C-alpha atoms as a PDB file:
ATOM      1  CA  MET A   1      -4.930  25.866  22.287  1.00  0.00           C
ATOM      2  CA  ALA A   2      -5.523  29.505  23.097  1.00  0.00           C
ATOM      3  CA  ILE A   3      -3.095  30.982  25.615  1.00  0.00           C
ATOM      4  CA  ASP A   4      -5.073  33.178  28.009  1.00  0.00           C
ATOM      5  CA  ASN A   5      -2.492  33.367  30.840  1.00  0.00           C
ATOM      6  CA  GLN A   6      -5.289  32.421  33.194  1.00  0.00           C
ATOM      7  CA  ARG A   7      -5.263  28.634  32.947  1.00  0.00           C
ATOM      8  CA  ILE A   8      -3.222  28.098  29.782  1.00  0.00           C
ATOM      9  CA  LEU A   9       0.039  29.958  30.169  1.00  0.00           C
ATOM     10  CA  ASP A  10       3.062  31.041  28.194  1.00  0.00           C
ATOM     11  CA  SER A  11       6.431  31.457  29.905  1.00  0.00           C
ATOM     12  CA  THR A  12       5.582  35.000  30.986  1.00  0.00           C
ATOM     13  CA  GLY A  13       2.289  33.936  32.533  1.00  0.00           C
ATOM     14  CA  ALA A  14       4.043  31.112  34.388  1.00  0.00           C
ATOM     15  CA  LEU A  15       6.053  33.734  36.287  1.00  0.00           C
ATOM     16  CA  SER A  16       2.903  35.434  37.613  1.00  0.00           C
ATOM     17  CA  LEU A  17       0.692  32.689  39.008  1.00  0.00           C
ATOM     18  CA  PRO A  18      -1.284  33.764  42.078  1.00  0.00           C
ATOM     19  CA  GLU A  19      -0.822  30.358  43.729  1.00  0.00           C
ATOM     20  CA  VAL A  20       1.330  27.255  43.667  1.00  0.00           C
ATOM     21  CA  PRO A  21      -0.490  24.847  41.329  1.00  0.00           C
ATOM     22  CA  LYS A  22      -1.437  21.468  42.717  1.00  0.00           C
ATOM     23  CA  HIS A  23      -0.745  20.043  39.251  1.00  0.00           C
ATOM     24  CA  LEU A  24       1.097  21.888  36.492  1.00  0.00           C
ATOM     25  CA  VAL A  25       1.349  20.300  33.049  1.00  0.00           C
ATOM     26  CA  VAL A  26       4.227  21.563  30.919  1.00  0.00           C
ATOM     27  CA  ILE A  27       3.973  21.057  27.170  1.00  0.00           C
ATOM     28  CA  GLY A  28       7.496  20.897  25.776  1.00  0.00           C
ATOM     29  CA  ALA A  29      10.632  19.468  27.410  1.00  0.00           C
ATOM     30  CA  GLY A  30      12.938  22.198  26.192  1.00  0.00           C
ATOM     31  CA  VAL A  31      14.927  24.680  28.244  1.00  0.00           C
ATOM     32  CA  ILE A  32      12.040  26.990  29.211  1.00  0.00           C
ATOM     33  CA  GLY A  33       9.679  24.164  30.122  1.00  0.00           C
ATOM     34  CA  LEU A  34      12.232  22.355  32.267  1.00  0.00           C
ATOM     35  CA  GLU A  35      13.439  25.511  34.017  1.00  0.00           C
ATOM     36  CA  LEU A  36       9.956  26.679  34.977  1.00  0.00           C
ATOM     37  CA  GLY A  37       8.789  23.159  35.733  1.00  0.00           C
ATOM     38  CA  SER A  38      11.780  22.702  38.033  1.00  0.00           C
ATOM     39  CA  VAL A  39      10.952  25.936  39.868  1.00  0.00           C
ATOM     40  CA  TRP A  40       7.297  25.051  40.468  1.00  0.00           C
ATOM     41  CA  ARG A  41       8.213  21.481  41.490  1.00  0.00           C
ATOM     42  CA  ARG A  42      10.537  22.872  44.164  1.00  0.00           C
ATOM     43  CA  LEU A  43       7.698  25.137  45.335  1.00  0.00           C
ATOM     44  CA  GLY A  44       5.493  22.074  45.824  1.00  0.00           C
ATOM     45  CA  SER A  45       3.611  21.489  42.559  1.00  0.00           C
ATOM     46  CA  GLN A  46       3.084  18.137  40.964  1.00  0.00           C
ATOM     47  CA  VAL A  47       4.662  18.664  37.535  1.00  0.00           C
ATOM     48  CA  THR A  48       4.060  16.569  34.424  1.00  0.00           C
ATOM     49  CA  VAL A  49       6.072  17.297  31.276  1.00  0.00           C
ATOM     50  CA  VAL A  50       4.620  16.257  27.898  1.00  0.00           C
ATOM     51  CA  GLU A  51       7.091  16.076  25.005  1.00  0.00           C
ATOM     52  CA  PHE A  52       6.477  15.037  21.388  1.00  0.00           C
ATOM     53  CA  LEU A  53      10.014  13.661  20.974  1.00  0.00           C
ATOM     54  CA  ASP A  54      11.366  10.636  22.814  1.00  0.00           C
ATOM     55  CA  ARG A  55      13.907  12.669  24.819  1.00  0.00           C
ATOM     56  CA  ILE A  56      14.221  15.978  26.620  1.00  0.00           C
ATOM     57  CA  CYS A  57      16.245  18.901  25.228  1.00  0.00           C
ATOM     58  CA  PRO A  58      17.026  17.390  21.812  1.00  0.00           C
ATOM     59  CA  GLY A  59      20.030  19.661  21.176  1.00  0.00           C
ATOM     60  CA  LEU A  60      21.718  18.585  24.393  1.00  0.00           C
ATOM     61  CA  ASP A  61      24.441  15.956  24.636  1.00  0.00           C
ATOM     62  CA  GLU A  62      22.439  12.744  25.079  1.00  0.00           C
ATOM     63  CA  GLU A  63      24.260  11.600  28.216  1.00  0.00           C
ATOM     64  CA  ALA A  64      23.734  14.995  29.849  1.00  0.00           C
ATOM     65  CA  GLY A  65      20.051  14.956  28.885  1.00  0.00           C
ATOM     66  CA  LYS A  66      19.473  11.520  30.392  1.00  0.00           C
ATOM     67  CA  THR A  67      21.268  12.518  33.586  1.00  0.00           C
ATOM     68  CA  LEU A  68      19.156  15.676  33.912  1.00  0.00           C
ATOM     69  CA  GLN A  69      15.922  13.778  33.307  1.00  0.00           C
ATOM     70  CA  ARG A  70      16.851  11.145  35.883  1.00  0.00           C
ATOM     71  CA  SER A  71      17.646  13.833  38.441  1.00  0.00           C
ATOM     72  CA  LEU A  72      14.400  15.756  37.833  1.00  0.00           C
ATOM     73  CA  ALA A  73      12.412  12.526  38.005  1.00  0.00           C
ATOM     74  CA  LYS A  74      13.982  11.739  41.391  1.00  0.00           C
ATOM     75  CA  GLN A  75      12.709  15.136  42.548  1.00  0.00           C
ATOM     76  CA  GLY A  76       9.178  14.142  41.562  1.00  0.00           C
ATOM     77  CA  MET A  77       8.754  15.542  38.029  1.00  0.00           C
ATOM     78  CA  SER A  78       7.063  13.052  35.701  1.00  0.00           C
ATOM     79  CA  PHE A  79       7.639  12.804  31.953  1.00  0.00           C
ATOM     80  CA  LYS A  80       5.383  11.695  29.128  1.00  0.00           C
ATOM     81  CA  LEU A  81       7.820  11.474  26.217  1.00  0.00           C
ATOM     82  CA  GLY A  82       6.778  10.558  22.680  1.00  0.00           C
ATOM     83  CA  SER A  83       3.384  12.135  23.401  1.00  0.00           C
ATOM     84  CA  LYS A  84       1.253  14.937  22.000  1.00  0.00           C
ATOM     85  CA  VAL A  85      -1.611  17.059  23.298  1.00  0.00           C
ATOM     86  CA  THR A  86      -4.572  16.832  20.938  1.00  0.00           C
ATOM     87  CA  ALA A  87      -7.151  18.836  22.881  1.00  0.00           C
ATOM     88  CA  ALA A  88      -7.486  21.127  25.880  1.00  0.00           C
ATOM     89  CA  VAL A  89     -10.748  22.080  27.565  1.00  0.00           C
ATOM     90  CA  VAL A  90     -10.625  24.944  30.063  1.00  0.00           C
ATOM     91  CA  LYS A  91     -12.917  24.455  33.033  1.00  0.00           C
ATOM     92  CA  GLU A  92     -13.613  26.565  36.088  1.00  0.00           C
ATOM     93  CA  ALA A  93     -11.022  24.862  38.263  1.00  0.00           C
ATOM     94  CA  GLY A  94      -8.470  23.814  35.674  1.00  0.00           C
ATOM     95  CA  VAL A  95      -7.802  22.280  32.281  1.00  0.00           C
ATOM     96  CA  GLU A  96      -8.611  18.828  30.898  1.00  0.00           C
ATOM     97  CA  LEU A  97      -6.031  17.636  28.381  1.00  0.00           C
ATOM     98  CA  SER A  98      -6.274  14.833  25.853  1.00  0.00           C
ATOM     99  CA  ILE A  99      -2.885  13.200  25.313  1.00  0.00           C
ATOM    100  CA  GLU A 100      -1.982  10.610  22.670  1.00  0.00           C
ATOM    101  CA  PRO A 101       1.210   8.743  21.744  1.00  0.00           C
ATOM    102  CA  ALA A 102       3.086  10.702  19.060  1.00  0.00           C
ATOM    103  CA  CYS A 103       3.114   7.627  16.830  1.00  0.00           C
ATOM    104  CA  GLY A 104      -0.638   7.126  17.253  1.00  0.00           C
ATOM    105  CA  GLY A 105      -2.738   5.269  19.768  1.00  0.00           C
ATOM    106  CA  ALA A 106      -5.421   5.628  22.385  1.00  0.00           C
ATOM    107  CA  ALA A 107      -5.825   8.986  24.106  1.00  0.00           C
ATOM    108  CA  GLN A 108      -5.780   9.510  27.841  1.00  0.00           C
ATOM    109  CA  LEU A 109      -7.226  12.399  29.817  1.00  0.00           C
ATOM    110  CA  LEU A 110      -5.061  14.438  32.148  1.00  0.00           C
ATOM    111  CA  GLN A 111      -6.381  16.973  34.648  1.00  0.00           C
ATOM    112  CA  ALA A 112      -4.295  20.033  35.514  1.00  0.00           C
ATOM    113  CA  ASP A 113      -4.754  23.250  37.462  1.00  0.00           C
ATOM    114  CA  TYR A 114      -2.619  25.090  34.923  1.00  0.00           C
ATOM    115  CA  VAL A 115      -0.948  24.280  31.612  1.00  0.00           C
ATOM    116  CA  LEU A 116       2.322  25.880  30.523  1.00  0.00           C
ATOM    117  CA  VAL A 117       2.862  25.895  26.760  1.00  0.00           C
ATOM    118  CA  ALA A 118       6.647  25.914  26.353  1.00  0.00           C
ATOM    119  CA  ILE A 119       7.238  24.807  22.775  1.00  0.00           C
ATOM    120  CA  GLY A 120       9.650  27.590  21.881  1.00  0.00           C
ATOM    121  CA  ARG A 121       9.826  31.331  21.320  1.00  0.00           C
ATOM    122  CA  ARG A 122       9.342  33.304  18.135  1.00  0.00           C
ATOM    123  CA  PRO A 123      11.260  36.400  17.051  1.00  0.00           C
ATOM    124  CA  TYR A 124       9.464  39.717  17.396  1.00  0.00           C
ATOM    125  CA  THR A 125       9.652  40.848  13.775  1.00  0.00           C
ATOM    126  CA  GLN A 126       6.035  41.222  12.680  1.00  0.00           C
ATOM    127  CA  GLY A 127       4.450  44.646  12.417  1.00  0.00           C
ATOM    128  CA  LEU A 128       7.726  46.552  12.438  1.00  0.00           C
ATOM    129  CA  GLY A 129       7.478  47.732   8.830  1.00  0.00           C
ATOM    130  CA  LEU A 130      10.540  45.742   7.759  1.00  0.00           C
ATOM    131  CA  GLU A 131       9.086  45.192   4.301  1.00  0.00           C
ATOM    132  CA  SER A 132       9.080  48.966   3.748  1.00  0.00           C
ATOM    133  CA  VAL A 133      12.892  48.916   3.653  1.00  0.00           C
ATOM    134  CA  GLY A 134      13.120  45.666   1.682  1.00  0.00           C
ATOM    135  CA  ILE A 135      13.756  43.210   4.516  1.00  0.00           C
ATOM    136  CA  GLN A 136      11.967  39.874   4.362  1.00  0.00           C
ATOM    137  CA  THR A 137      11.600  37.211   7.058  1.00  0.00           C
ATOM    138  CA  ASP A 138      11.578  33.455   6.661  1.00  0.00           C
ATOM    139  CA  LYS A 139       8.550  31.346   7.635  1.00  0.00           C
ATOM    140  CA  ARG A 140       9.603  31.471  11.315  1.00  0.00           C
ATOM    141  CA  GLY A 141       9.931  35.246  11.231  1.00  0.00           C
ATOM    142  CA  MET A 142      13.734  35.109  11.297  1.00  0.00           C
ATOM    143  CA  LEU A 143      15.956  37.604   9.484  1.00  0.00           C
ATOM    144  CA  GLU A 144      18.888  36.586   7.329  1.00  0.00           C
ATOM    145  CA  ASN A 145      22.207  38.319   7.843  1.00  0.00           C
ATOM    146  CA  GLN A 146      25.677  38.421   6.352  1.00  0.00           C
ATOM    147  CA  ARG A 147      28.051  39.064   9.242  1.00  0.00           C
ATOM    148  CA  HIS A 148      25.189  40.971  10.929  1.00  0.00           C
ATOM    149  CA  ARG A 149      24.332  43.012   7.838  1.00  0.00           C
ATOM    150  CA  SER A 150      20.757  42.754   6.627  1.00  0.00           C
ATOM    151  CA  SER A 151      19.651  43.048   2.994  1.00  0.00           C
ATOM    152  CA  ALA A 152      18.890  46.749   3.577  1.00  0.00           C
ATOM    153  CA  PRO A 153      21.747  49.292   3.704  1.00  0.00           C
ATOM    154  CA  GLY A 154      22.322  50.601   7.206  1.00  0.00           C
ATOM    155  CA  VAL A 155      20.203  47.954   8.924  1.00  0.00           C
ATOM    156  CA  TRP A 156      22.096  45.479  11.082  1.00  0.00           C
ATOM    157  CA  VAL A 157      20.817  42.270  12.656  1.00  0.00           C
ATOM    158  CA  ILE A 158      21.716  40.630  15.981  1.00  0.00           C
ATOM    159  CA  GLY A 159      20.154  38.524  18.712  1.00  0.00           C
ATOM    160  CA  ASP A 160      16.912  36.578  18.813  1.00  0.00           C
ATOM    161  CA  VAL A 161      15.610  37.852  15.459  1.00  0.00           C
ATOM    162  CA  THR A 162      18.282  35.963  13.521  1.00  0.00           C
ATOM    163  CA  SER A 163      19.900  32.535  13.352  1.00  0.00           C
ATOM    164  CA  GLY A 164      21.472  30.821  16.316  1.00  0.00           C
ATOM    165  CA  LEU A 165      20.492  30.197  19.907  1.00  0.00           C
ATOM    166  CA  MET A 166      18.167  32.678  21.607  1.00  0.00           C
ATOM    167  CA  LEU A 167      20.603  33.585  24.370  1.00  0.00           C
ATOM    168  CA  ALA A 168      21.317  36.980  25.906  1.00  0.00           C
ATOM    169  CA  HIS A 169      25.083  36.450  25.934  1.00  0.00           C
ATOM    170  CA  LYS A 170      25.050  35.380  22.274  1.00  0.00           C
ATOM    171  CA  ALA A 171      23.214  38.622  21.412  1.00  0.00           C
ATOM    172  CA  GLU A 172      25.713  40.585  23.483  1.00  0.00           C
ATOM    173  CA  ASP A 173      28.643  39.067  21.569  1.00  0.00           C
ATOM    174  CA  GLU A 174      26.919  39.854  18.285  1.00  0.00           C
ATOM    175  CA  ALA A 175      26.283  43.439  19.389  1.00  0.00           C
ATOM    176  CA  ILE A 176      29.971  43.937  20.155  1.00  0.00           C
ATOM    177  CA  ALA A 177      31.014  42.491  16.789  1.00  0.00           C
ATOM    178  CA  CYS A 178      28.342  44.520  14.989  1.00  0.00           C
ATOM    179  CA  ILE A 179      29.366  47.845  16.527  1.00  0.00           C
ATOM    180  CA  GLU A 180      33.046  47.123  15.928  1.00  0.00           C
ATOM    181  CA  GLN A 181      32.275  46.548  12.250  1.00  0.00           C
ATOM    182  CA  ILE A 182      30.237  49.751  12.063  1.00  0.00           C
ATOM    183  CA  ALA A 183      33.280  51.517  13.489  1.00  0.00           C
ATOM    184  CA  GLY A 184      35.403  50.049  10.701  1.00  0.00           C
ATOM    185  CA  LYS A 185      37.180  47.390  12.736  1.00  0.00           C
ATOM    186  CA  ALA A 186      37.484  43.676  12.100  1.00  0.00           C
ATOM    187  CA  ALA A 187      35.299  41.658  14.446  1.00  0.00           C
ATOM    188  CA  GLU A 188      33.468  38.348  14.438  1.00  0.00           C
ATOM    189  CA  VAL A 189      31.655  35.943  16.744  1.00  0.00           C
ATOM    190  CA  ASN A 190      32.977  32.440  17.355  1.00  0.00           C
ATOM    191  CA  TYR A 191      29.672  30.569  17.341  1.00  0.00           C
ATOM    192  CA  GLY A 192      31.440  27.325  18.197  1.00  0.00           C
ATOM    193  CA  VAL A 193      32.243  28.658  21.662  1.00  0.00           C
ATOM    194  CA  ILE A 194      28.892  30.063  22.782  1.00  0.00           C
ATOM    195  CA  PRO A 195      28.015  28.407  26.115  1.00  0.00           C
ATOM    196  CA  ASN A 196      24.520  27.157  26.821  1.00  0.00           C
ATOM    197  CA  VAL A 197      23.011  26.795  30.293  1.00  0.00           C
ATOM    198  CA  ILE A 198      19.821  25.228  31.634  1.00  0.00           C
ATOM    199  CA  TYR A 199      18.984  26.761  35.020  1.00  0.00           C
ATOM    200  CA  THR A 200      17.301  23.774  36.591  1.00  0.00           C
ATOM    201  CA  ARG A 201      18.546  22.103  39.767  1.00  0.00           C
ATOM    202  CA  PRO A 202      20.974  20.563  39.057  1.00  0.00           C
ATOM    203  CA  GLU A 203      22.118  22.964  36.365  1.00  0.00           C
ATOM    204  CA  VAL A 204      23.332  21.971  32.909  1.00  0.00           C
ATOM    205  CA  ALA A 205      26.106  23.853  31.107  1.00  0.00           C
ATOM    206  CA  CYS A 206      27.772  22.999  27.815  1.00  0.00           C
ATOM    207  CA  VAL A 207      29.936  24.445  25.085  1.00  0.00           C
ATOM    208  CA  GLY A 208      31.120  23.068  21.767  1.00  0.00           C
ATOM    209  CA  MET A 209      30.155  19.807  20.117  1.00  0.00           C
ATOM    210  CA  THR A 210      28.204  16.891  21.533  1.00  0.00           C
ATOM    211  CA  GLU A 211      29.238  13.251  21.239  1.00  0.00           C
ATOM    212  CA  GLU A 212      26.394  12.711  18.793  1.00  0.00           C
ATOM    213  CA  GLN A 213      27.678  15.498  16.528  1.00  0.00           C
ATOM    214  CA  LEU A 214      31.220  14.133  16.610  1.00  0.00           C
ATOM    215  CA  LYS A 215      29.990  10.654  15.731  1.00  0.00           C
ATOM    216  CA  ALA A 216      27.879  12.037  12.869  1.00  0.00           C
ATOM    217  CA  GLU A 217      30.979  13.767  11.484  1.00  0.00           C
ATOM    218  CA  GLY A 218      33.027  10.592  11.833  1.00  0.00           C
ATOM    219  CA  ARG A 219      35.552  12.460  13.952  1.00  0.00           C
ATOM    220  CA  SER A 220      37.851  10.510  16.264  1.00  0.00           C
ATOM    221  CA  TYR A 221      37.683  11.757  19.835  1.00  0.00           C
ATOM    222  CA  LYS A 222      38.522  10.855  23.420  1.00  0.00           C
ATOM    223  CA  VAL A 223      36.349  11.303  26.506  1.00  0.00           C
ATOM    224  CA  GLY A 224      37.204  12.303  30.051  1.00  0.00           C
ATOM    225  CA  ARG A 225      34.482  12.105  32.733  1.00  0.00           C
ATOM    226  CA  PHE A 226      34.451  12.986  36.391  1.00  0.00           C
ATOM    227  CA  PRO A 227      31.418  12.578  38.672  1.00  0.00           C
ATOM    228  CA  PHE A 228      30.486  15.105  41.340  1.00  0.00           C
ATOM    229  CA  THR A 229      30.072  12.149  43.733  1.00  0.00           C
ATOM    230  CA  ALA A 230      33.890  12.160  43.898  1.00  0.00           C
ATOM    231  CA  ASN A 231      34.235  15.936  44.362  1.00  0.00           C
ATOM    232  CA  SER A 232      34.936  17.013  47.964  1.00  0.00           C
ATOM    233  CA  ARG A 233      33.027  20.308  47.886  1.00  0.00           C
ATOM    234  CA  ALA A 234      29.986  18.714  46.244  1.00  0.00           C
ATOM    235  CA  LYS A 235      29.957  15.936  48.850  1.00  0.00           C
ATOM    236  CA  ILE A 236      30.220  18.426  51.717  1.00  0.00           C
ATOM    237  CA  ASN A 237      27.266  20.391  50.310  1.00  0.00           C
ATOM    238  CA  HIS A 238      25.222  17.243  49.510  1.00  0.00           C
ATOM    239  CA  GLU A 239      25.139  18.233  45.806  1.00  0.00           C
ATOM    240  CA  THR A 240      26.666  15.182  44.171  1.00  0.00           C
ATOM    241  CA  GLU A 241      24.263  14.821  41.226  1.00  0.00           C
ATOM    242  CA  GLY A 242      25.936  14.997  37.822  1.00  0.00           C
ATOM    243  CA  PHE A 243      29.326  15.012  36.146  1.00  0.00           C
ATOM    244  CA  VAL A 244      31.784  16.901  33.942  1.00  0.00           C
ATOM    245  CA  LYS A 245      32.571  15.451  30.516  1.00  0.00           C
ATOM    246  CA  VAL A 246      35.369  16.640  28.236  1.00  0.00           C
ATOM    247  CA  LEU A 247      35.552  15.668  24.558  1.00  0.00           C
ATOM    248  CA  ALA A 248      38.962  16.064  22.917  1.00  0.00           C
ATOM    249  CA  ASP A 249      40.329  15.321  19.452  1.00  0.00           C
ATOM    250  CA  GLU A 250      41.981  11.900  19.453  1.00  0.00           C
ATOM    251  CA  HIS A 251      45.030  13.116  17.566  1.00  0.00           C
ATOM    252  CA  SER A 252      45.617  16.769  18.532  1.00  0.00           C
ATOM    253  CA  ASP A 253      43.952  16.625  21.997  1.00  0.00           C
ATOM    254  CA  GLU A 254      42.196  19.922  21.226  1.00  0.00           C
ATOM    255  CA  ILE A 255      39.064  20.353  23.367  1.00  0.00           C
ATOM    256  CA  LEU A 256      36.014  19.971  21.121  1.00  0.00           C
ATOM    257  CA  GLY A 257      33.167  20.056  23.617  1.00  0.00           C
ATOM    258  CA  VAL A 258      32.412  20.123  27.330  1.00  0.00           C
ATOM    259  CA  HIS A 259      29.175  19.030  29.001  1.00  0.00           C
ATOM    260  CA  MET A 260      28.346  19.406  32.679  1.00  0.00           C
ATOM    261  CA  VAL A 261      25.427  18.521  34.905  1.00  0.00           C
ATOM    262  CA  GLY A 262      25.702  19.561  38.519  1.00  0.00           C
ATOM    263  CA  PRO A 263      25.905  22.306  41.130  1.00  0.00           C
ATOM    264  CA  SER A 264      26.851  25.792  39.905  1.00  0.00           C
ATOM    265  CA  VAL A 265      28.120  24.524  36.562  1.00  0.00           C
ATOM    266  CA  SER A 266      26.833  27.737  34.948  1.00  0.00           C
ATOM    267  CA  GLU A 267      29.594  29.546  36.862  1.00  0.00           C
ATOM    268  CA  MET A 268      32.287  27.092  35.743  1.00  0.00           C
ATOM    269  CA  ILE A 269      31.684  26.622  32.015  1.00  0.00           C
ATOM    270  CA  GLY A 270      33.500  29.913  31.329  1.00  0.00           C
ATOM    271  CA  GLU A 271      36.864  28.273  32.054  1.00  0.00           C
ATOM    272  CA  TYR A 272      36.375  25.910  29.142  1.00  0.00           C
ATOM    273  CA  CYS A 273      35.116  28.731  26.899  1.00  0.00           C
ATOM    274  CA  VAL A 274      38.439  30.508  27.470  1.00  0.00           C
ATOM    275  CA  ALA A 275      40.332  27.274  26.848  1.00  0.00           C
ATOM    276  CA  MET A 276      38.510  26.597  23.580  1.00  0.00           C
ATOM    277  CA  GLU A 277      38.977  30.181  22.336  1.00  0.00           C
ATOM    278  CA  PHE A 278      42.715  29.593  22.645  1.00  0.00           C
ATOM    279  CA  ALA A 279      42.457  26.097  21.088  1.00  0.00           C
ATOM    280  CA  ALA A 280      43.681  24.499  24.314  1.00  0.00           C
ATOM    281  CA  SER A 281      44.202  20.792  24.731  1.00  0.00           C
ATOM    282  CA  SER A 282      42.690  18.717  27.513  1.00  0.00           C
ATOM    283  CA  GLU A 283      46.244  18.348  28.863  1.00  0.00           C
ATOM    284  CA  ASP A 284      46.479  22.134  29.242  1.00  0.00           C
ATOM    285  CA  ILE A 285      43.564  22.075  31.706  1.00  0.00           C
ATOM    286  CA  ALA A 286      44.816  18.891  33.347  1.00  0.00           C
ATOM    287  CA  LEU A 287      48.109  20.584  34.212  1.00  0.00           C
ATOM    288  CA  ILE A 288      46.551  23.725  35.751  1.00  0.00           C
ATOM    289  CA  CYS A 289      46.335  23.829  39.554  1.00  0.00           C
ATOM    290  CA  HIS A 290      42.776  24.280  40.861  1.00  0.00           C
ATOM    291  CA  PRO A 291      41.983  25.213  44.475  1.00  0.00           C
ATOM    292  CA  HIS A 292      40.859  22.539  46.933  1.00  0.00           C
ATOM    293  CA  PRO A 293      38.153  21.925  48.017  1.00  0.00           C
ATOM    294  CA  THR A 294      36.121  23.461  45.187  1.00  0.00           C
ATOM    295  CA  ARG A 295      33.688  22.218  42.590  1.00  0.00           C
ATOM    296  CA  SER A 296      36.088  23.542  39.940  1.00  0.00           C
ATOM    297  CA  GLU A 297      38.428  20.643  40.672  1.00  0.00           C
ATOM    298  CA  ALA A 298      35.973  18.493  38.713  1.00  0.00           C
ATOM    299  CA  LEU A 299      36.926  20.475  35.590  1.00  0.00           C
ATOM    300  CA  ARG A 300      40.570  19.500  35.979  1.00  0.00           C
ATOM    301  CA  GLN A 301      39.827  15.905  36.904  1.00  0.00           C
ATOM    302  CA  ALA A 302      37.618  15.429  33.820  1.00  0.00           C
ATOM    303  CA  ALA A 303      40.436  16.792  31.651  1.00  0.00           C
ATOM    304  CA  MET A 304      42.811  14.389  33.353  1.00  0.00           C
ATOM    305  CA  GLY A 305      40.370  11.612  32.518  1.00  0.00           C
ATOM    306  CA  VAL A 306      40.904  12.119  28.779  1.00  0.00           C
ATOM    307  CA  GLU A 307      44.282  10.382  29.162  1.00  0.00           C
ATOM    308  CA  GLY A 308      43.229   8.210  32.069  1.00  0.00           C
ATOM    309  CA  TRP A 309      45.095   9.836  34.963  1.00  0.00           C
ATOM    310  CA  ILE A 310      42.281  11.027  37.240  1.00  0.00           C
ATOM    311  CA  MET A 311      43.604  11.414  40.794  1.00  0.00           C
ATOM    312  CA  GLN A 312      40.516  12.027  42.964  1.00  0.00           C
ATOM    313  CA  ALA A 313      38.093   9.276  41.951  1.00  0.00           C
END
């Protein structure tokens, strides 16, 4: 479908609507679609999310994804998972969409005031003359790099134009490492400790490996969980949706991944990034005093849960 930013929008157009849509259809249940859908739902729109896969945010820890979907659904967002849009007809007052099951089946019509196409971003690499210096892109327009060096002498690569998550703080880390190398110093980026945040309400924040990745690797691990329903500050503020989950190596207790859904978790994930950079164990966090009453206590309690000695539940 042709994006005109009048009725069929990209993520930029969805920031500039002249009115609150009565019904906004979001195509794609990834980060951008859920963030913008969450905003417009809170402003009063009916929001329907259409996703080809059978789950939202496929790279997310599955438990965190299900918790987020359940929370957004309670707020009134509706989800059509395992579905695809096969046609869109722009009319004077909106858009008529034809939606079919991804595995095949009868189509249904869906009427919307606006449609947000949020199926991912592409790197801005076309039309820059890269081929004139011998740099080629892959089929997605991405640039290869060897420790931020491109195939052309003197041309370095960081950020959204190359592999990895399209995150500002990831690009910032790469820029620091890149400039340090240009200056002749040793520098690298620890891609295993790049945090990821979804700015919905509640927020999602994670770093490291998911349970699904650990299972796929056959790695033995332990889990500590703590719900925000048991956190004093969250209860006082009526923000009890979500949890903190800590995944630790079964033998060494090293923290392998942390996944949070809840209030202000984007501000708290940094503690576990520091811990993982120093190869901390879950016990290290469990033994650190956290102020009371704060949401950050949930971080400690989840770490305590790895060995089964949660105190506040």
